[in-house]
Amino acid sequence: MKLIVGLGNPGREYLFSRHNIGFMVVEALALKHSININRLKHQSMLGTGKIAGEKVWLAKPLTYMNLSGSAVKALLGSSFELSPESLVVVHDDMDLELGRIRFKARGGSGGHKGLVSIMEKVGTREFIRLKIGIGRPTPEGFPYPEVSPHEENPGVKNFVLGRFTSQEEPVVKEVIPKAAEALETFLLEGIETAMNRYNC
């Protein structure tokens, strides 16, 4: 059994924001497999079903991005009795250009506050991530280019919490089903095959 967690922020004001692309991918996967993410439990919205013959739980934490670890810890420590090795986290990534996806079997946070929270609460880096590229803001939209994009600064915060532009939307509409397909491949054929096929 696998637990696939899409990261994002709850609330109407964050719908379709760049930071919420993890939510969007999990929702697309759920829709494709007729899984209703409608159970409120363990600080998350949950749904369960079978994908590629394997039972999966799909989750969207309601804790807000920077506190995602609290929800993930609650999910892993619940009656599901899952280990971190069963966890897949889907999240946005500024280090990948918009439209690219990449599986990662383990590693650091890359400065992503949601991953930082998960690692701190769960106590390990040993879980799978599917990173969805959102790119970096243009110089005009990033007023503090001399500051690392992973530091706390208004330019980054406004960018990740902002909605995709009309120019970006066609790419987003392509990458979301592609990411859902990549998760299916992972469930059916394993992480190595998924990495070889989608990490380009």
Protein backbone atom coordinates (compact mmCIF):
# COMPACT_ATOMS: atom_id res chain seq x y z
CA MET A 1 0.00 0.00 0.00
CA LYS A 2 1.22 3.49 -0.87
CA LEU A 3 0.39 6.91 0.53
CA ILE A 4 0.57 9.63 -2.14
CA VAL A 5 0.51 13.12 -0.66
CA GLY A 6 0.10 16.22 -2.79
CA LEU A 7 1.38 19.39 -1.14
CA GLY A 8 -0.42 22.70 -1.24
CA ASN A 9 -2.39 25.23 0.77
CA PRO A 10 -6.09 24.86 1.57
CA GLY A 11 -8.52 27.67 0.84
CA ARG A 12 -10.09 29.30 -2.22
CA GLU A 13 -7.46 32.03 -2.33
CA TYR A 14 -4.78 29.43 -3.13
CA LEU A 15 -6.67 27.52 -5.83
CA PHE A 16 -4.55 27.16 -8.98
CA SER A 17 -1.51 28.79 -7.37
CA ARG A 18 1.93 27.47 -8.31
CA HIS A 19 2.47 26.14 -4.78
CA ASN A 20 -0.67 24.01 -5.16
CA ILE A 21 0.36 21.98 -8.18
CA GLY A 22 0.88 18.98 -5.88
CA PHE A 23 -2.82 19.18 -4.99
CA MET A 24 -3.71 19.42 -8.68
CA VAL A 25 -1.75 16.30 -9.65
CA VAL A 26 -3.27 14.21 -6.85
CA GLU A 27 -6.74 15.46 -7.78
CA ALA A 28 -6.15 14.51 -11.43
CA LEU A 29 -4.97 11.03 -10.42
CA ALA A 30 -8.02 10.62 -8.19
CA LEU A 31 -10.41 11.70 -10.94
CA LYS A 32 -8.84 9.32 -13.44
CA HIS A 33 -9.36 6.38 -11.09
CA SER A 34 -12.72 7.42 -9.63
CA ILE A 35 -11.28 8.00 -6.15
CA ASN A 36 -13.13 10.53 -4.01
CA ILE A 37 -10.85 12.61 -1.82
CA ASN A 38 -13.64 13.43 0.60
CA ARG A 39 -12.67 12.01 4.00
CA LEU A 40 -11.49 14.50 6.59
CA LYS A 41 -9.01 12.70 8.82
CA HIS A 42 -5.50 13.16 10.22
CA GLN A 43 -5.41 16.87 9.26
CA SER A 44 -5.95 15.94 5.62
CA MET A 45 -8.53 15.26 2.96
CA LEU A 46 -8.26 11.57 2.05
CA GLY A 47 -9.42 9.10 -0.54
CA THR A 48 -8.58 5.47 -1.19
CA GLY A 49 -8.78 3.09 -4.11
CA LYS A 50 -6.74 0.85 -6.37
CA ILE A 51 -4.32 2.04 -9.04
CA ALA A 52 -2.29 -0.42 -11.12
CA GLY A 53 -3.61 -3.19 -8.87
CA GLU A 54 -2.22 -1.60 -5.72
CA LYS A 55 -4.19 -0.05 -2.90
CA VAL A 56 -3.35 3.61 -2.48
CA TRP A 57 -4.30 6.43 -0.18
CA LEU A 58 -4.39 9.89 -1.76
CA ALA A 59 -4.04 12.83 0.60
CA LYS A 60 -4.10 16.63 0.59
CA PRO A 61 -2.87 18.07 3.91
CA LEU A 62 -4.93 20.91 5.37
CA THR A 63 -2.11 22.21 7.56
CA TYR A 64 -0.76 24.73 5.04
CA MET A 65 2.46 24.11 3.18
CA ASN A 66 5.00 24.97 5.86
CA LEU A 67 3.38 22.61 8.37
CA SER A 68 2.82 19.68 6.01
CA GLY A 69 4.92 17.41 8.21
CA SER A 70 2.29 17.37 10.97
CA ALA A 71 -0.30 15.90 8.61
CA VAL A 72 2.11 13.42 7.04
CA LYS A 73 3.29 12.20 10.43
CA ALA A 74 -0.33 11.75 11.53
CA LEU A 75 -1.10 9.79 8.35
CA LEU A 76 1.90 7.48 8.67
CA GLY A 77 1.28 6.93 12.36
CA SER A 78 -2.41 6.21 11.94
CA SER A 79 -4.21 2.92 11.54
CA PHE A 80 -2.68 2.63 8.05
CA GLU A 81 0.53 1.44 9.73
CA LEU A 82 2.67 2.74 6.88
CA SER A 83 6.41 3.33 6.93
CA PRO A 84 8.07 6.35 5.27
CA GLU A 85 9.19 3.97 2.49
CA SER A 86 5.52 3.80 1.46
CA LEU A 87 5.29 7.59 1.14
CA VAL A 88 5.28 9.55 -2.13
CA VAL A 89 5.21 13.35 -1.91
CA VAL A 90 4.17 15.41 -4.94
CA HIS A 91 5.31 19.03 -4.81
CA ASP A 92 6.26 22.11 -6.80
CA ASP A 93 9.90 22.83 -7.59
CA MET A 94 11.40 26.15 -8.66
CA ASP A 95 14.64 24.48 -9.75
CA LEU A 96 12.84 22.72 -12.61
CA GLU A 97 11.50 24.63 -15.57
CA LEU A 98 7.75 24.74 -15.98
CA GLY A 99 6.46 21.53 -17.51
CA ARG A 100 9.26 19.22 -16.39
CA ILE A 101 8.81 16.50 -13.78
CA ARG A 102 11.35 14.47 -11.86
CA PHE A 103 11.22 11.55 -9.45
CA LYS A 104 13.67 11.49 -6.58
CA ALA A 105 14.05 8.46 -4.33
CA ARG A 106 15.48 10.33 -1.34
CA GLY A 107 17.62 13.34 -0.47
CA GLY A 108 17.40 16.84 0.93
CA SER A 109 14.64 19.41 0.81
CA GLY A 110 16.16 21.78 -1.73
CA GLY A 111 14.85 24.55 0.51
CA HIS A 112 11.21 23.55 -0.01
CA LYS A 113 9.45 24.39 3.25
CA GLY A 114 6.89 21.60 2.88
CA LEU A 115 9.64 19.01 2.54
CA VAL A 116 11.59 20.55 5.42
CA SER A 117 8.53 20.15 7.64
CA ILE A 118 7.98 16.53 6.55
CA MET A 119 11.61 15.58 7.17
CA GLU A 120 11.59 17.20 10.60
CA LYS A 121 8.34 15.54 11.71
CA VAL A 122 8.83 12.12 10.14
CA GLY A 123 12.53 12.02 11.01
CA THR A 124 13.86 10.74 7.70
CA ARG A 125 14.70 11.72 4.14
CA GLU A 126 13.97 8.21 2.91
CA PHE A 127 10.77 8.79 0.95
CA ILE A 128 9.97 9.26 -2.73
CA ARG A 129 9.20 12.66 -4.21
CA LEU A 130 7.69 13.63 -7.54
CA LYS A 131 8.80 17.17 -8.29
CA ILE A 132 6.75 19.33 -10.66
CA GLY A 133 8.63 22.21 -12.22
CA ILE A 134 7.14 25.68 -11.85
CA GLY A 135 10.23 27.57 -13.02
CA ARG A 136 11.56 30.79 -11.63
CA PRO A 137 10.03 34.26 -11.82
CA THR A 138 11.25 36.57 -14.54
CA PRO A 139 13.55 39.42 -13.47
CA GLU A 140 10.58 41.80 -13.75
CA GLY A 141 8.55 39.67 -11.35
CA PHE A 142 11.36 38.84 -8.99
CA PRO A 143 12.43 42.08 -7.29
CA TYR A 144 15.17 40.47 -5.20
CA PRO A 145 17.28 38.45 -7.68
CA GLU A 146 20.40 38.68 -5.51
CA VAL A 147 18.67 36.66 -2.75
CA SER A 148 18.49 32.88 -3.00
CA PRO A 149 15.00 31.82 -4.11
CA HIS A 150 14.83 29.56 -1.07
CA GLU A 151 15.27 32.44 1.37
CA GLU A 152 12.33 34.26 2.90
CA ASN A 153 11.72 37.18 0.56
CA PRO A 154 8.62 38.77 -0.93
CA GLY A 155 9.62 37.97 -4.52
CA VAL A 156 9.57 34.20 -4.01
CA LYS A 157 6.52 34.20 -1.76
CA ASN A 158 4.47 36.21 -4.23
CA PHE A 159 5.62 33.97 -7.06
CA VAL A 160 4.77 30.60 -5.53
CA LEU A 161 1.48 31.84 -4.08
CA GLY A 162 0.53 33.50 -7.36
CA ARG A 163 -1.55 31.86 -10.04
CA PHE A 164 -0.17 30.57 -13.29
CA THR A 165 -0.30 33.13 -16.08
CA SER A 166 -2.36 32.70 -19.22
CA GLN A 167 0.89 31.92 -21.07
CA GLU A 168 1.76 29.20 -18.55
CA GLU A 169 -1.67 27.56 -18.39
CA PRO A 170 -1.31 25.42 -21.56
CA VAL A 171 1.93 23.92 -20.19
CA VAL A 172 0.29 23.28 -16.82
CA LYS A 173 -2.63 21.52 -18.51
CA GLU A 174 -0.14 19.17 -20.16
CA VAL A 175 2.11 18.48 -17.18
CA ILE A 176 -0.65 17.60 -14.70
CA PRO A 177 -1.88 14.49 -16.58
CA LYS A 178 1.72 13.63 -17.41
CA ALA A 179 2.58 13.65 -13.70
CA ALA A 180 -0.48 11.51 -12.92
CA GLU A 181 0.66 9.06 -15.58
CA ALA A 182 4.14 9.04 -14.05
CA LEU A 183 2.65 8.06 -10.69
CA GLU A 184 0.79 5.21 -12.38
CA THR A 185 4.05 4.03 -13.92
CA PHE A 186 5.73 4.14 -10.51
CA LEU A 187 2.96 2.08 -8.94
CA LEU A 188 2.97 -0.46 -11.76
CA GLU A 189 6.67 -0.74 -12.61
CA GLY A 190 8.62 0.74 -9.72
CA ILE A 191 10.76 3.77 -9.04
CA GLU A 192 13.69 2.89 -11.33
CA THR A 193 11.46 2.56 -14.39
CA ALA A 194 9.59 5.73 -13.50
CA MET A 195 12.85 7.66 -13.08
CA ASN A 196 14.27 6.39 -16.36
CA ARG A 197 11.09 7.27 -18.23
CA TYR A 198 10.25 10.66 -16.77
CA ASN A 199 13.47 12.20 -15.43
CA CYS A 200 14.53 13.98 -18.60
